Amino acid sequence: MSDMTIGAIARVAGLAPSAIRYYEAQGLLPKPGRSGGQRRYRAQDLGRLRIIQLARSAGFTVAETHTFLTGFPTTVPPAARWSALAERKLAELNEQIERCARMKGLLESSFRCECPALTDCERGFLADCKPVDVHVGADRYPRKE
């Protein structure tokens, strides 16, 4: 496994060759040597691809993955790099989770106004009509479970 073509390393890594070319273009994977005009990859490149896949699976963007790989001094251990980036990513995820919870709550419980038609509701939103809370009028508009 010391001198693989792009097709061979792609198969082993479970990626499309185009993904490997993309990672090279983005600076995540070093440009490989060539032999006979073909890219040739080493076993070490497969390890780098596995790290890239791990970072991408954890939700890191290409830019964040690039920072993880090359944005720290070489003296910073991988676990410390991961921890620094994971802290920021977790804060982002928590914000997204909160936003999704609010969206879910709105979708499940709101907009239970008592207007007979959408046009009445449109006019009502300009005046005093407000969607009825989840508990108010819930018996008139039972949830379909």
N, C-alpha and C. Protein backbone atom coordinates (compact mmCIF):
# COMPACT_ATOMS: atom_id res chain seq x y z
N MET A 1 0.84 -1.18 0.00
CA MET A 1 0.00 0.00 0.00
C MET A 1 0.88 1.25 0.00
N SER A 2 2.03 1.19 -0.62
CA SER A 2 2.94 2.32 -0.56
C SER A 2 2.86 3.26 -1.75
N ASP A 3 2.27 2.85 -2.84
CA ASP A 3 2.22 3.70 -4.02
C ASP A 3 0.87 3.50 -4.71
N MET A 4 -0.14 4.21 -4.20
CA MET A 4 -1.51 3.98 -4.69
C MET A 4 -1.93 5.06 -5.68
N THR A 5 -2.73 4.66 -6.65
CA THR A 5 -3.35 5.63 -7.55
C THR A 5 -4.50 6.30 -6.82
N ILE A 6 -5.05 7.33 -7.43
CA ILE A 6 -6.17 8.03 -6.80
C ILE A 6 -7.38 7.08 -6.66
N GLY A 7 -7.58 6.22 -7.64
CA GLY A 7 -8.68 5.26 -7.57
C GLY A 7 -8.50 4.28 -6.43
N ALA A 8 -7.26 3.82 -6.24
CA ALA A 8 -6.98 2.84 -5.18
C ALA A 8 -7.17 3.47 -3.80
N ILE A 9 -6.61 4.66 -3.58
CA ILE A 9 -6.75 5.28 -2.26
C ILE A 9 -8.21 5.68 -2.01
N ALA A 10 -8.90 6.06 -3.07
CA ALA A 10 -10.32 6.42 -2.92
C ALA A 10 -11.12 5.20 -2.46
N ARG A 11 -10.86 4.05 -3.06
CA ARG A 11 -11.57 2.82 -2.66
C ARG A 11 -11.29 2.48 -1.20
N VAL A 12 -10.02 2.53 -0.81
CA VAL A 12 -9.65 2.18 0.57
C VAL A 12 -10.27 3.17 1.56
N ALA A 13 -10.29 4.45 1.19
CA ALA A 13 -10.82 5.47 2.09
C ALA A 13 -12.34 5.56 2.04
N GLY A 14 -12.96 4.96 1.04
CA GLY A 14 -14.41 5.05 0.91
C GLY A 14 -14.86 6.41 0.41
N LEU A 15 -14.04 7.02 -0.44
CA LEU A 15 -14.33 8.33 -0.99
C LEU A 15 -14.34 8.28 -2.51
N ALA A 16 -14.93 9.28 -3.10
CA ALA A 16 -14.85 9.43 -4.54
C ALA A 16 -13.52 10.09 -4.88
N PRO A 17 -12.91 9.74 -6.00
CA PRO A 17 -11.68 10.41 -6.40
C PRO A 17 -11.84 11.93 -6.46
N SER A 18 -13.02 12.40 -6.83
CA SER A 18 -13.25 13.85 -6.90
C SER A 18 -13.13 14.48 -5.51
N ALA A 19 -13.50 13.77 -4.46
CA ALA A 19 -13.37 14.29 -3.10
C ALA A 19 -11.89 14.45 -2.74
N ILE A 20 -11.09 13.50 -3.16
CA ILE A 20 -9.66 13.58 -2.88
C ILE A 20 -9.04 14.75 -3.63
N ARG A 21 -9.42 14.94 -4.88
CA ARG A 21 -8.93 16.10 -5.64
C ARG A 21 -9.39 17.41 -4.99
N TYR A 22 -10.62 17.43 -4.49
CA TYR A 22 -11.14 18.61 -3.81
C TYR A 22 -10.33 18.91 -2.55
N TYR A 23 -10.07 17.88 -1.74
CA TYR A 23 -9.28 18.07 -0.53
C TYR A 23 -7.89 18.60 -0.85
N GLU A 24 -7.31 18.12 -1.94
CA GLU A 24 -6.01 18.64 -2.38
C GLU A 24 -6.13 20.12 -2.74
N ALA A 25 -7.15 20.46 -3.51
CA ALA A 25 -7.34 21.85 -3.94
C ALA A 25 -7.56 22.79 -2.75
N GLN A 26 -8.17 22.28 -1.69
CA GLN A 26 -8.45 23.09 -0.51
C GLN A 26 -7.28 23.12 0.47
N GLY A 27 -6.24 22.39 0.16
CA GLY A 27 -5.06 22.38 1.03
C GLY A 27 -5.16 21.44 2.21
N LEU A 28 -6.15 20.56 2.22
CA LEU A 28 -6.30 19.60 3.32
C LEU A 28 -5.37 18.40 3.13
N LEU A 29 -5.12 18.08 1.91
CA LEU A 29 -4.27 16.93 1.56
C LEU A 29 -3.13 17.46 0.70
N PRO A 30 -1.88 17.13 1.05
CA PRO A 30 -0.77 17.63 0.25
C PRO A 30 -0.82 17.08 -1.18
N LYS A 31 -0.29 17.86 -2.09
CA LYS A 31 -0.21 17.41 -3.48
C LYS A 31 0.65 16.15 -3.52
N PRO A 32 0.16 15.09 -4.15
CA PRO A 32 0.94 13.85 -4.18
C PRO A 32 2.03 13.89 -5.26
N GLY A 33 2.94 12.99 -5.12
CA GLY A 33 3.92 12.82 -6.18
C GLY A 33 3.22 12.24 -7.40
N ARG A 34 3.92 12.23 -8.50
CA ARG A 34 3.34 11.69 -9.73
C ARG A 34 4.31 10.69 -10.35
N SER A 35 3.72 9.73 -11.00
CA SER A 35 4.50 8.74 -11.74
C SER A 35 3.73 8.43 -13.02
N GLY A 36 4.36 8.64 -14.13
CA GLY A 36 3.68 8.41 -15.40
C GLY A 36 2.48 9.33 -15.58
N GLY A 37 2.52 10.52 -14.98
CA GLY A 37 1.43 11.47 -15.09
C GLY A 37 0.27 11.22 -14.14
N GLN A 38 0.36 10.15 -13.36
CA GLN A 38 -0.72 9.83 -12.41
C GLN A 38 -0.31 10.21 -10.99
N ARG A 39 -1.29 10.65 -10.22
CA ARG A 39 -1.05 10.92 -8.80
C ARG A 39 -0.71 9.59 -8.12
N ARG A 40 0.24 9.66 -7.19
CA ARG A 40 0.62 8.48 -6.42
C ARG A 40 0.59 8.84 -4.95
N TYR A 41 -0.14 8.06 -4.18
CA TYR A 41 -0.36 8.33 -2.76
C TYR A 41 0.36 7.31 -1.90
N ARG A 42 0.75 7.75 -0.72
CA ARG A 42 1.43 6.90 0.25
C ARG A 42 0.45 6.51 1.35
N ALA A 43 0.81 5.54 2.15
CA ALA A 43 -0.03 5.11 3.27
C ALA A 43 -0.30 6.28 4.21
N GLN A 44 0.66 7.17 4.37
CA GLN A 44 0.50 8.34 5.23
C GLN A 44 -0.65 9.22 4.74
N ASP A 45 -0.84 9.28 3.43
CA ASP A 45 -1.94 10.08 2.87
C ASP A 45 -3.29 9.49 3.28
N LEU A 46 -3.35 8.17 3.37
CA LEU A 46 -4.59 7.53 3.81
C LEU A 46 -4.90 7.93 5.26
N GLY A 47 -3.87 7.99 6.10
CA GLY A 47 -4.07 8.45 7.48
C GLY A 47 -4.60 9.87 7.52
N ARG A 48 -4.07 10.73 6.67
CA ARG A 48 -4.54 12.12 6.60
C ARG A 48 -6.00 12.16 6.15
N LEU A 49 -6.35 11.32 5.18
CA LEU A 49 -7.75 11.26 4.73
C LEU A 49 -8.67 10.81 5.85
N ARG A 50 -8.23 9.87 6.66
CA ARG A 50 -9.04 9.40 7.80
C ARG A 50 -9.28 10.54 8.80
N ILE A 51 -8.25 11.35 9.04
CA ILE A 51 -8.40 12.49 9.96
C ILE A 51 -9.37 13.50 9.36
N ILE A 52 -9.26 13.75 8.07
CA ILE A 52 -10.18 14.67 7.40
C ILE A 52 -11.61 14.16 7.52
N GLN A 53 -11.80 12.87 7.29
CA GLN A 53 -13.14 12.29 7.39
C GLN A 53 -13.68 12.42 8.81
N LEU A 54 -12.85 12.21 9.79
CA LEU A 54 -13.27 12.35 11.19
C LEU A 54 -13.72 13.78 11.47
N ALA A 55 -12.93 14.74 11.06
CA ALA A 55 -13.27 16.15 11.28
C ALA A 55 -14.56 16.52 10.57
N ARG A 56 -14.71 16.08 9.34
CA ARG A 56 -15.92 16.39 8.58
C ARG A 56 -17.14 15.70 9.20
N SER A 57 -16.98 14.48 9.69
CA SER A 57 -18.08 13.78 10.36
C SER A 57 -18.49 14.46 11.65
N ALA A 58 -17.54 15.13 12.30
CA ALA A 58 -17.84 15.86 13.53
C ALA A 58 -18.50 17.21 13.24
N GLY A 59 -18.62 17.54 11.95
CA GLY A 59 -19.30 18.78 11.59
C GLY A 59 -18.39 19.94 11.29
N PHE A 60 -17.08 19.71 11.32
CA PHE A 60 -16.17 20.79 10.98
C PHE A 60 -16.29 21.13 9.50
N THR A 61 -16.26 22.40 9.20
CA THR A 61 -16.27 22.85 7.81
C THR A 61 -14.90 22.54 7.20
N VAL A 62 -14.80 22.74 5.90
CA VAL A 62 -13.51 22.56 5.24
C VAL A 62 -12.50 23.55 5.84
N ALA A 63 -12.92 24.78 6.05
CA ALA A 63 -12.03 25.79 6.64
C ALA A 63 -11.59 25.39 8.05
N GLU A 64 -12.51 24.90 8.86
CA GLU A 64 -12.17 24.47 10.22
C GLU A 64 -11.24 23.26 10.17
N THR A 65 -11.49 22.36 9.24
CA THR A 65 -10.62 21.20 9.09
C THR A 65 -9.22 21.64 8.68
N HIS A 66 -9.15 22.62 7.80
CA HIS A 66 -7.86 23.17 7.39
C HIS A 66 -7.14 23.76 8.59
N THR A 67 -7.87 24.48 9.43
CA THR A 67 -7.27 25.05 10.65
C THR A 67 -6.76 23.95 11.55
N PHE A 68 -7.54 22.90 11.72
CA PHE A 68 -7.12 21.78 12.56
C PHE A 68 -5.81 21.18 12.05
N LEU A 69 -5.71 21.03 10.74
CA LEU A 69 -4.53 20.38 10.16
C LEU A 69 -3.31 21.29 10.09
N THR A 70 -3.52 22.56 9.78
CA THR A 70 -2.37 23.42 9.50
C THR A 70 -2.37 24.75 10.25
N GLY A 71 -3.40 25.02 11.00
CA GLY A 71 -3.53 26.35 11.61
C GLY A 71 -2.96 26.50 12.99
N PHE A 72 -2.22 25.53 13.45
CA PHE A 72 -1.61 25.59 14.78
C PHE A 72 -0.11 25.38 14.64
N PRO A 73 0.64 25.89 15.59
CA PRO A 73 2.07 25.56 15.59
C PRO A 73 2.25 24.04 15.68
N THR A 74 3.30 23.53 15.10
CA THR A 74 3.52 22.08 15.09
C THR A 74 3.70 21.51 16.49
N THR A 75 3.99 22.38 17.46
CA THR A 75 4.17 21.92 18.84
C THR A 75 2.84 21.67 19.56
N VAL A 76 1.74 22.14 18.98
CA VAL A 76 0.42 21.93 19.60
C VAL A 76 -0.05 20.52 19.25
N PRO A 77 -0.29 19.68 20.27
CA PRO A 77 -0.71 18.31 19.99
C PRO A 77 -2.11 18.25 19.37
N PRO A 78 -2.37 17.19 18.62
CA PRO A 78 -3.68 17.06 17.96
C PRO A 78 -4.87 17.17 18.91
N ALA A 79 -4.77 16.59 20.10
CA ALA A 79 -5.90 16.65 21.05
C ALA A 79 -6.19 18.09 21.48
N ALA A 80 -5.17 18.90 21.64
CA ALA A 80 -5.37 20.30 22.03
C ALA A 80 -5.99 21.08 20.87
N ARG A 81 -5.58 20.77 19.65
CA ARG A 81 -6.17 21.41 18.47
C ARG A 81 -7.65 21.07 18.40
N TRP A 82 -7.94 19.78 18.54
CA TRP A 82 -9.32 19.30 18.47
C TRP A 82 -10.16 19.97 19.54
N SER A 83 -9.63 20.03 20.74
CA SER A 83 -10.36 20.62 21.86
C SER A 83 -10.70 22.08 21.59
N ALA A 84 -9.75 22.84 21.07
CA ALA A 84 -9.99 24.26 20.79
C ALA A 84 -11.08 24.44 19.74
N LEU A 85 -11.03 23.65 18.69
CA LEU A 85 -12.04 23.77 17.65
C LEU A 85 -13.38 23.18 18.09
N ALA A 86 -13.34 22.11 18.85
CA ALA A 86 -14.58 21.48 19.32
C ALA A 86 -15.35 22.40 20.26
N GLU A 87 -14.64 23.17 21.07
CA GLU A 87 -15.32 24.09 21.98
C GLU A 87 -16.17 25.09 21.19
N ARG A 88 -15.60 25.63 20.13
CA ARG A 88 -16.35 26.58 19.29
C ARG A 88 -17.50 25.89 18.56
N LYS A 89 -17.24 24.69 18.06
CA LYS A 89 -18.27 23.97 17.32
C LYS A 89 -19.41 23.59 18.25
N LEU A 90 -19.11 23.20 19.48
CA LEU A 90 -20.17 22.86 20.43
C LEU A 90 -21.03 24.08 20.75
N ALA A 91 -20.44 25.25 20.86
CA ALA A 91 -21.22 26.47 21.10
C ALA A 91 -22.16 26.72 19.92
N GLU A 92 -21.67 26.54 18.71
CA GLU A 92 -22.51 26.68 17.51
C GLU A 92 -23.66 25.68 17.52
N LEU A 93 -23.33 24.43 17.84
CA LEU A 93 -24.36 23.38 17.86
C LEU A 93 -25.42 23.68 18.91
N ASN A 94 -24.99 24.16 20.08
CA ASN A 94 -25.96 24.49 21.13
C ASN A 94 -26.91 25.59 20.67
N GLU A 95 -26.39 26.59 19.96
CA GLU A 95 -27.24 27.65 19.41
C GLU A 95 -28.22 27.08 18.39
N GLN A 96 -27.72 26.19 17.54
CA GLN A 96 -28.58 25.57 16.53
C GLN A 96 -29.66 24.71 17.19
N ILE A 97 -29.29 23.99 18.22
CA ILE A 97 -30.25 23.15 18.94
C ILE A 97 -31.34 24.01 19.55
N GLU A 98 -30.96 25.14 20.17
CA GLU A 98 -31.95 26.04 20.76
C GLU A 98 -32.88 26.60 19.68
N ARG A 99 -32.30 27.02 18.56
CA ARG A 99 -33.11 27.55 17.46
C ARG A 99 -34.05 26.47 16.92
N CYS A 100 -33.55 25.27 16.77
CA CYS A 100 -34.40 24.17 16.29
C CYS A 100 -35.51 23.84 17.29
N ALA A 101 -35.21 23.90 18.57
CA ALA A 101 -36.23 23.64 19.59
C ALA A 101 -37.34 24.70 19.51
N ARG A 102 -36.93 25.98 19.31
CA ARG A 102 -37.95 27.03 19.16
C ARG A 102 -38.78 26.79 17.90
N MET A 103 -38.12 26.43 16.81
CA MET A 103 -38.85 26.15 15.56
C MET A 103 -39.82 24.99 15.75
N LYS A 104 -39.34 23.95 16.41
CA LYS A 104 -40.18 22.78 16.64
C LYS A 104 -41.40 23.15 17.48
N GLY A 105 -41.16 23.95 18.52
CA GLY A 105 -42.27 24.39 19.36
C GLY A 105 -43.29 25.19 18.57
N LEU A 106 -42.81 26.09 17.72
CA LEU A 106 -43.73 26.87 16.88
C LEU A 106 -44.52 25.98 15.93
N LEU A 107 -43.83 25.05 15.32
CA LEU A 107 -44.51 24.16 14.38
C LEU A 107 -45.53 23.26 15.07
N GLU A 108 -45.22 22.84 16.27
CA GLU A 108 -46.12 21.93 16.99
C GLU A 108 -47.28 22.64 17.68
N SER A 109 -47.08 23.89 18.07
CA SER A 109 -48.09 24.47 18.94
C SER A 109 -48.68 25.81 18.52
N SER A 110 -48.03 26.53 17.69
CA SER A 110 -48.51 27.87 17.40
C SER A 110 -49.39 27.93 16.18
N PHE A 111 -49.84 29.15 15.95
CA PHE A 111 -50.71 29.48 14.83
C PHE A 111 -52.01 28.71 14.90
N ARG A 112 -52.62 28.75 16.05
CA ARG A 112 -53.93 28.14 16.24
C ARG A 112 -54.94 29.26 16.46
N CYS A 113 -54.92 30.21 15.55
CA CYS A 113 -55.85 31.33 15.70
C CYS A 113 -57.27 30.88 15.37
N GLU A 114 -58.21 31.72 15.61
CA GLU A 114 -59.61 31.34 15.41
C GLU A 114 -60.22 32.01 14.18
N CYS A 115 -59.39 32.50 13.28
CA CYS A 115 -59.88 33.12 12.05
C CYS A 115 -60.47 32.05 11.14
N PRO A 116 -61.63 32.34 10.51
CA PRO A 116 -62.24 31.33 9.63
C PRO A 116 -61.52 31.20 8.29
N ALA A 117 -60.78 32.22 7.86
CA ALA A 117 -60.10 32.16 6.57
C ALA A 117 -58.74 32.85 6.69
N LEU A 118 -57.83 32.48 5.82
CA LEU A 118 -56.50 33.05 5.84
C LEU A 118 -56.53 34.56 5.62
N THR A 119 -57.43 35.02 4.76
CA THR A 119 -57.51 36.47 4.53
C THR A 119 -57.91 37.21 5.81
N ASP A 120 -58.80 36.61 6.63
CA ASP A 120 -59.16 37.22 7.91
C ASP A 120 -57.93 37.26 8.83
N CYS A 121 -57.18 36.21 8.79
CA CYS A 121 -55.99 36.12 9.63
C CYS A 121 -54.95 37.16 9.19
N GLU A 122 -54.78 37.32 7.88
CA GLU A 122 -53.85 38.33 7.37
C GLU A 122 -54.22 39.71 7.88
N ARG A 123 -55.49 40.03 7.81
CA ARG A 123 -55.94 41.33 8.33
C ARG A 123 -55.76 41.39 9.83
N GLY A 124 -56.03 40.28 10.48
CA GLY A 124 -55.94 40.24 11.94
C GLY A 124 -54.52 40.46 12.44
N PHE A 125 -53.53 39.95 11.71
CA PHE A 125 -52.14 40.14 12.13
C PHE A 125 -51.76 41.61 12.06
N LEU A 126 -52.43 42.36 11.22
CA LEU A 126 -52.18 43.80 11.17
C LEU A 126 -52.85 44.50 12.34
N ALA A 127 -53.85 43.87 12.92
CA ALA A 127 -54.56 44.48 14.05
C ALA A 127 -54.20 43.75 15.33
N ASP A 128 -55.18 43.02 15.88
CA ASP A 128 -54.98 42.41 17.18
C ASP A 128 -54.93 40.89 17.17
N CYS A 129 -55.16 40.25 16.05
CA CYS A 129 -55.17 38.79 16.00
C CYS A 129 -53.78 38.25 16.31
N LYS A 130 -53.74 37.31 17.20
CA LYS A 130 -52.48 36.64 17.50
C LYS A 130 -52.77 35.15 17.52
N PRO A 131 -51.80 34.35 17.10
CA PRO A 131 -52.03 32.91 17.19
C PRO A 131 -52.34 32.51 18.61
N VAL A 132 -53.28 31.60 18.75
CA VAL A 132 -53.68 31.13 20.07
C VAL A 132 -52.59 30.21 20.60
N ASP A 133 -52.30 30.34 21.87
CA ASP A 133 -51.27 29.51 22.50
C ASP A 133 -51.65 28.04 22.41
N VAL A 134 -50.69 27.19 22.62
CA VAL A 134 -50.90 25.75 22.51
C VAL A 134 -52.03 25.25 23.41
N HIS A 135 -52.19 25.82 24.58
CA HIS A 135 -53.19 25.33 25.52
C HIS A 135 -54.57 25.91 25.25
N VAL A 136 -54.60 27.09 24.68
CA VAL A 136 -55.87 27.75 24.40
C VAL A 136 -56.41 27.23 23.07
N GLY A 137 -57.58 26.73 23.08
CA GLY A 137 -58.19 26.26 21.85
C GLY A 137 -57.67 24.91 21.38
N ALA A 138 -56.85 24.26 22.18
CA ALA A 138 -56.30 22.97 21.76
C ALA A 138 -57.39 21.93 21.56
N ASP A 139 -58.50 22.09 22.32
CA ASP A 139 -59.60 21.13 22.17
C ASP A 139 -60.33 21.34 20.84
N ARG A 140 -60.29 22.56 20.31
CA ARG A 140 -60.97 22.83 19.02
C ARG A 140 -60.14 22.32 17.85
N TYR A 141 -58.80 22.29 18.02
CA TYR A 141 -57.90 21.88 16.94
C TYR A 141 -56.99 20.79 17.47
N PRO A 142 -57.54 19.61 17.65
CA PRO A 142 -56.71 18.55 18.26
C PRO A 142 -55.54 18.20 17.34
N ARG A 143 -54.45 17.85 17.98
CA ARG A 143 -53.27 17.41 17.25
C ARG A 143 -53.51 16.06 16.64
N LYS A 144 -52.97 15.89 15.46
CA LYS A 144 -53.00 14.56 14.84
C LYS A 144 -51.69 13.87 15.21
N GLU A 145 -51.77 12.83 15.93
CA GLU A 145 -50.56 12.12 16.40
C GLU A 145 -50.24 10.98 15.49
